[in-house]
Amino acid sequence: MHHHRLVLNGPPPAVARLVDDLRAAGAEGITREPPVRLVWTTAHASAVEALCARHRRVVVGVERFETLGAELERLVVCGREATVLERRAFADEELAPLGPEALRRVALGVAAMPVALGSGLAGTALDDALLVGPALGRLCAAAGDPLAVERPPRAAVDAIRALAAVALTVGANASAPASDAELAFERSWRLAQAAAFAAQDAWWARPDDDDWPEWLMFLLSCAAGVVESCAACLHRPPPDVKSLIAEHHATADEQLDHAAGLLTIVTLQALTLFDDDAHPGRGRTQ
C-alpha cells in the first residue's frame, strides 16, 4: 500500500470539488482551513496523479511512501503535470541487510498492534512518558531471569512488540499530528524509516548478536532514553535561549523524536533476532 499526505492549494470551489472526490475515494481530512490537508492510502502510487488530472486548477503537494518501502518521495501535482522535488532513501542500501524477510514480518506484526494513545493529557511529553513506562514495566516483568535462558520467553517477545508500537506513537506525537488519520500516517512513515535502518549492518552487528541479556539491557537503555527526553520536553528553556539552542543543536522535541526512533529500530532488531514466528520452521520460544 502507498501512503500519501496531501496539501491542496487553489480557488476554494475547485479545492472543495477535489476534496469531495478524494473523500469519496477513501481519503481522510486533517484540516479544513486553507491549506487543506488530507491523508490517503492507495493500492497504487499513481492514484493521486490520476485523480488530480481531473482538477487542473488545484495544486497538490504530496508526501508519499510505500508500506515498509525504502524511500520518501515529495512532489507537486497540478492537473496532468507532476514534478518530483525529492526522493530520499531512508538508509544506505549498500550495507548488508539483517534478515529482510524476517524483518518485514516483524514490522508488519508491529503495525498490526492496537494503537495506544495514552491517558488523555492533551498530547504532552508526560503523556508520552506514561505510555512508555507501563510498556517497559511489562517487558521487565516478562523477562524473568535473562541469565538463566539463551532466548527470551514468549511473553517477553510480545512485550517487545508492544514497546515497539508505543515507540511509534511517541515518535508520531512529536510531529503534533492534527488528527487520528495523520497520526496513522506518521506512525506508518516512522515504521518504514525504522525498518530501513534496522536492516542495516551498521545498526545491528555486534560481537554477540544473539546475546539476550545484552539485548535486554540495550532495550531498557533506549526506553529510558525516551523517558529522559520526555522530561527534557517538560522543562523548556526561555524563548531566547530556546532559539539559540534550535539554531545550533537539536531541540527537545527533535531529541525526543530521535530517541523514539532509536527505540523503534532496536525493538525491530530484537524481534528479528528473537521472535521465532518471524522465522518459518524455527520452534517457538515458550
Protein backbone atom coordinates (compact mmCIF):
# COMPACT_ATOMS: atom_id res chain seq x y z
CA MET A 1 0.00 0.00 0.00
CA HIS A 2 1.06 3.60 -0.64
CA HIS A 3 0.56 6.33 1.95
CA HIS A 4 0.04 9.95 0.85
CA ARG A 5 -0.16 13.22 2.74
CA LEU A 6 -1.71 15.89 0.52
CA VAL A 7 -1.75 19.69 0.77
CA LEU A 8 -4.27 21.41 -1.54
CA ASN A 9 -4.00 24.99 -2.83
CA GLY A 10 -6.20 26.81 -5.32
CA PRO A 11 -9.56 28.53 -5.70
CA PRO A 12 -11.84 27.42 -2.85
CA PRO A 13 -14.58 25.97 -5.11
CA ALA A 14 -12.01 23.93 -7.06
CA VAL A 15 -10.35 22.72 -3.85
CA ALA A 16 -13.74 21.74 -2.42
CA ARG A 17 -14.53 19.64 -5.51
CA LEU A 18 -11.19 17.81 -5.27
CA VAL A 19 -11.71 17.23 -1.54
CA ASP A 20 -15.09 15.66 -2.26
CA ASP A 21 -13.54 13.32 -4.84
CA LEU A 22 -10.67 12.41 -2.51
CA ARG A 23 -13.03 11.66 0.36
CA ALA A 24 -15.20 9.54 -1.95
CA ALA A 25 -12.05 7.59 -2.85
CA GLY A 26 -11.21 6.95 0.82
CA ALA A 27 -9.01 9.91 1.82
CA GLU A 28 -9.37 11.35 5.32
CA GLY A 29 -9.20 15.04 6.15
CA ILE A 30 -6.68 16.56 8.55
CA THR A 31 -7.57 20.26 8.31
CA ARG A 32 -10.43 22.15 6.68
CA GLU A 33 -8.98 25.65 6.71
CA PRO A 34 -6.53 26.61 3.93
CA PRO A 35 -4.27 24.99 3.05
CA VAL A 36 -6.47 21.90 3.22
CA ARG A 37 -4.61 18.71 4.19
CA LEU A 38 -5.64 15.07 3.81
CA VAL A 39 -4.08 11.63 4.07
CA TRP A 40 -4.87 8.81 1.65
CA THR A 41 -3.81 5.16 1.45
CA THR A 42 -4.00 3.59 -2.01
CA ALA A 43 -3.03 0.36 -3.73
CA HIS A 44 -1.16 2.25 -6.45
CA ALA A 45 1.18 5.24 -6.13
CA SER A 46 -0.23 6.87 -9.27
CA ALA A 47 -3.74 7.20 -7.83
CA VAL A 48 -3.05 10.84 -6.85
CA GLU A 49 -1.90 11.85 -10.34
CA ALA A 50 -4.88 10.10 -11.92
CA LEU A 51 -7.37 11.95 -9.73
CA CYS A 52 -5.64 15.34 -9.98
CA ALA A 53 -5.77 15.15 -13.77
CA ARG A 54 -9.49 15.98 -13.48
CA HIS A 55 -8.84 19.00 -11.22
CA ARG A 56 -6.42 21.21 -13.12
CA ARG A 57 -6.99 24.36 -11.06
CA VAL A 58 -5.69 22.80 -7.83
CA VAL A 59 -2.00 22.50 -6.94
CA VAL A 60 -1.35 19.48 -4.73
CA GLY A 61 1.75 18.99 -2.62
CA VAL A 62 2.38 15.30 -2.00
CA GLU A 63 4.47 13.35 0.50
CA ARG A 64 4.27 9.61 -0.09
CA PHE A 65 5.92 6.30 0.67
CA GLU A 66 5.14 2.62 0.33
CA THR A 67 4.41 0.43 3.34
CA LEU A 68 7.87 -0.60 4.62
CA GLY A 69 9.33 0.99 1.48
CA ALA A 70 12.88 2.29 1.16
CA GLU A 71 12.28 5.98 0.41
CA LEU A 72 10.08 9.03 0.91
CA GLU A 73 9.01 10.96 -2.18
CA ARG A 74 7.92 14.62 -2.32
CA LEU A 75 6.29 16.06 -5.42
CA VAL A 76 3.91 18.71 -6.69
CA VAL A 77 0.97 17.73 -8.91
CA CYS A 78 -1.06 20.20 -10.96
CA GLY A 79 -3.52 18.70 -13.40
CA ARG A 80 -1.64 16.26 -15.60
CA GLU A 81 1.79 17.60 -14.61
CA ALA A 82 3.78 16.07 -11.76
CA THR A 83 7.14 17.47 -10.62
CA VAL A 84 9.27 15.36 -8.29
CA LEU A 85 11.05 17.57 -5.75
CA GLU A 86 12.86 14.93 -3.70
CA ARG A 87 13.38 11.19 -3.34
CA ARG A 88 15.05 10.48 -0.02
CA ALA A 89 16.24 6.99 0.86
CA PHE A 90 15.73 6.02 4.49
CA ALA A 91 19.05 4.19 4.77
CA ASP A 92 22.19 3.22 2.86
CA GLU A 93 21.24 0.31 0.62
CA GLU A 94 24.88 -0.74 0.15
CA LEU A 95 25.17 -2.20 3.65
CA ALA A 96 24.45 -5.86 4.40
CA PRO A 97 20.82 -6.45 5.40
CA LEU A 98 19.59 -8.16 8.55
CA GLY A 99 17.18 -10.95 7.51
CA PRO A 100 14.95 -8.83 5.24
CA GLU A 101 12.05 -11.28 5.13
CA ALA A 102 12.07 -11.85 8.88
CA LEU A 103 12.35 -8.11 9.50
CA ARG A 104 9.38 -7.44 7.23
CA ARG A 105 7.25 -9.99 9.12
CA VAL A 106 8.27 -8.38 12.39
CA ALA A 107 7.46 -4.86 11.18
CA LEU A 108 4.05 -5.91 9.87
CA GLY A 109 3.38 -7.52 13.25
CA VAL A 110 4.18 -4.23 14.97
CA ALA A 111 1.94 -2.34 12.52
CA ALA A 112 -0.94 -4.67 13.41
CA MET A 113 -0.70 -3.84 17.14
CA PRO A 114 -3.52 -1.69 18.57
CA VAL A 115 -2.54 1.98 18.78
CA ALA A 116 -2.06 3.07 22.40
CA LEU A 117 -2.96 6.76 22.80
CA GLY A 118 -2.25 7.33 26.48
CA SER A 119 -4.40 8.73 29.27
CA GLY A 120 -5.50 11.92 27.54
CA LEU A 121 -3.12 14.57 28.84
CA ALA A 122 -3.53 16.72 25.71
CA GLY A 123 -0.58 15.09 23.97
CA THR A 124 2.07 16.32 26.40
CA ALA A 125 5.51 14.80 26.88
CA LEU A 126 4.27 13.45 30.22
CA ASP A 127 1.57 11.55 28.34
CA ASP A 128 4.31 10.06 26.14
CA ALA A 129 6.35 9.06 29.20
CA LEU A 130 3.29 7.40 30.72
CA LEU A 131 2.89 5.39 27.50
CA VAL A 132 6.47 4.12 27.62
CA GLY A 133 6.54 3.38 31.36
CA PRO A 134 3.90 0.60 31.50
CA ALA A 135 5.22 -0.99 28.28
CA LEU A 136 8.72 -1.04 29.73
CA GLY A 137 7.41 -2.43 33.02
CA ARG A 138 5.67 -5.30 31.22
CA LEU A 139 8.93 -6.15 29.45
CA CYS A 140 10.83 -6.16 32.77
CA ALA A 141 8.19 -8.39 34.38
CA ALA A 142 8.15 -10.83 31.44
CA ALA A 143 11.93 -11.08 31.13
CA GLY A 144 12.25 -13.29 34.21
CA ASP A 145 15.89 -14.25 34.78
CA PRO A 146 17.58 -13.38 31.47
CA LEU A 147 20.81 -15.08 32.58
CA ALA A 148 19.04 -18.41 33.01
CA VAL A 149 17.91 -18.77 29.38
CA GLU A 150 19.52 -18.36 25.98
CA ARG A 151 16.42 -16.87 24.39
CA PRO A 152 13.66 -14.67 25.82
CA PRO A 153 10.35 -16.24 26.88
CA ARG A 154 7.38 -15.73 24.61
CA ALA A 155 5.85 -13.15 26.94
CA ALA A 156 9.00 -11.04 26.71
CA VAL A 157 8.90 -11.14 22.90
CA ASP A 158 5.27 -9.98 22.98
CA ALA A 159 6.26 -7.18 25.36
CA ILE A 160 9.00 -6.04 22.98
CA ARG A 161 6.44 -5.87 20.17
CA ALA A 162 4.13 -3.76 22.33
CA LEU A 163 7.05 -1.49 23.26
CA ALA A 164 7.81 -1.01 19.55
CA ALA A 165 4.20 0.06 18.91
CA VAL A 166 4.39 2.56 21.76
CA ALA A 167 7.69 3.96 20.43
CA LEU A 168 5.99 4.58 17.08
CA THR A 169 3.20 6.53 18.74
CA VAL A 170 5.61 8.65 20.80
CA GLY A 171 7.65 9.48 17.69
CA ALA A 172 4.50 10.36 15.77
CA ASN A 173 3.29 12.57 18.62
CA ALA A 174 6.50 14.61 18.32
CA SER A 175 5.22 15.94 14.98
CA ALA A 176 1.94 17.11 16.61
CA PRO A 177 -0.48 15.28 14.26
CA ALA A 178 -3.75 17.14 13.83
CA SER A 179 -6.00 14.06 13.57
CA ASP A 180 -6.09 10.31 14.07
CA ALA A 181 -5.59 9.91 10.32
CA GLU A 182 -2.41 11.99 10.38
CA LEU A 183 -1.19 10.07 13.44
CA ALA A 184 -1.61 6.84 11.46
CA PHE A 185 0.33 8.37 8.54
CA GLU A 186 3.17 9.48 10.85
CA ARG A 187 3.35 6.05 12.52
CA SER A 188 3.49 4.28 9.16
CA TRP A 189 6.21 6.62 7.91
CA ARG A 190 8.31 6.13 11.04
CA LEU A 191 7.88 2.36 10.85
CA ALA A 192 9.15 2.33 7.26
CA GLN A 193 12.11 4.51 8.21
CA ALA A 194 12.95 2.43 11.29
CA ALA A 195 12.74 -0.82 9.34
CA ALA A 196 15.15 0.53 6.73
CA PHE A 197 17.67 1.48 9.42
CA ALA A 198 17.12 -1.73 11.39
CA ALA A 199 18.07 -3.81 8.36
CA GLN A 200 21.48 -2.25 8.03
CA ASP A 201 24.63 -3.96 9.24
CA ALA A 202 25.98 -0.75 10.76
CA TRP A 203 22.99 -0.58 13.12
CA TRP A 204 22.87 -4.13 14.43
CA ALA A 205 26.17 -6.03 14.02
CA ARG A 206 27.79 -6.67 17.40
CA PRO A 207 30.18 -9.35 18.72
CA ASP A 208 27.27 -11.27 20.30
CA ASP A 209 24.29 -10.57 18.09
CA ASP A 210 22.00 -13.05 19.84
CA ASP A 211 23.10 -12.38 23.43
CA TRP A 212 19.67 -11.96 25.08
CA PRO A 213 20.87 -10.27 28.33
CA GLU A 214 22.86 -7.74 26.29
CA TRP A 215 19.90 -7.00 24.04
CA LEU A 216 17.58 -6.66 27.02
CA MET A 217 19.93 -4.12 28.60
CA PHE A 218 20.07 -2.22 25.29
CA LEU A 219 16.26 -2.15 25.09
CA LEU A 220 15.97 -0.86 28.66
CA SER A 221 18.57 1.82 27.96
CA CYS A 222 16.80 3.04 24.82
CA ALA A 223 13.41 3.12 26.56
CA ALA A 224 14.94 5.06 29.46
CA GLY A 225 16.34 7.50 26.89
CA VAL A 226 12.82 8.18 25.62
CA VAL A 227 11.56 8.91 29.15
CA GLU A 228 14.56 11.20 29.76
CA SER A 229 13.79 13.07 26.53
CA CYS A 230 10.16 13.44 27.63
CA ALA A 231 11.38 15.06 30.84
CA ALA A 232 13.53 17.49 28.84
CA CYS A 233 10.46 18.49 26.81
CA LEU A 234 8.59 19.39 30.01
CA HIS A 235 11.35 21.72 31.22
CA ARG A 236 11.88 24.04 28.29
CA PRO A 237 14.31 26.98 28.36
CA PRO A 238 13.20 30.62 27.98
CA PRO A 239 12.27 31.61 24.38
CA ASP A 240 15.54 33.43 23.67
CA VAL A 241 17.65 30.51 24.94
CA LYS A 242 15.42 28.05 23.05
CA SER A 243 16.02 29.95 19.80
CA LEU A 244 19.78 29.81 20.34
CA ILE A 245 19.65 26.07 21.05
CA ALA A 246 17.49 25.43 17.97
CA GLU A 247 19.99 27.25 15.78
CA HIS A 248 22.98 25.18 16.86
CA HIS A 249 21.65 22.00 18.46
CA ALA A 250 18.71 19.61 18.35
CA THR A 251 15.64 20.91 20.16
CA ALA A 252 13.99 18.94 22.96
CA ASP A 253 11.25 17.82 20.54
CA GLU A 254 13.85 16.68 17.99
CA GLN A 255 15.73 14.77 20.67
CA LEU A 256 12.50 13.03 21.70
CA ASP A 257 11.76 12.14 18.08
CA HIS A 258 15.29 10.72 17.72
CA ALA A 259 15.06 8.73 20.98
CA ALA A 260 11.69 7.24 19.97
CA GLY A 261 13.10 6.38 16.54
CA LEU A 262 16.11 4.63 18.07
CA LEU A 263 13.85 2.62 20.38
CA THR A 264 11.74 1.57 17.38
CA ILE A 265 14.86 0.46 15.48
CA VAL A 266 16.22 -1.55 18.39
CA THR A 267 12.88 -3.26 19.12
CA LEU A 268 12.59 -4.28 15.46
CA GLN A 269 16.13 -5.68 15.51
CA ALA A 270 15.50 -7.60 18.74
CA LEU A 271 12.26 -9.05 17.36
CA THR A 272 14.01 -10.09 14.16
CA LEU A 273 16.62 -11.96 16.19
CA PHE A 274 14.39 -13.46 18.88
CA ASP A 275 10.81 -13.74 17.57
CA ASP A 276 10.52 -17.33 16.33
CA ASP A 277 7.33 -16.52 14.41
CA ALA A 278 9.42 -14.32 12.10
CA HIS A 279 11.40 -17.38 11.01
CA PRO A 280 9.30 -20.17 9.45
CA GLY A 281 10.49 -23.57 10.66
CA ARG A 282 12.00 -22.32 13.91
CA GLY A 283 10.43 -23.61 17.09
CA ARG A 284 8.56 -21.11 19.25
CA THR A 285 10.12 -19.90 22.50
CA GLN A 286 7.95 -20.73 25.48
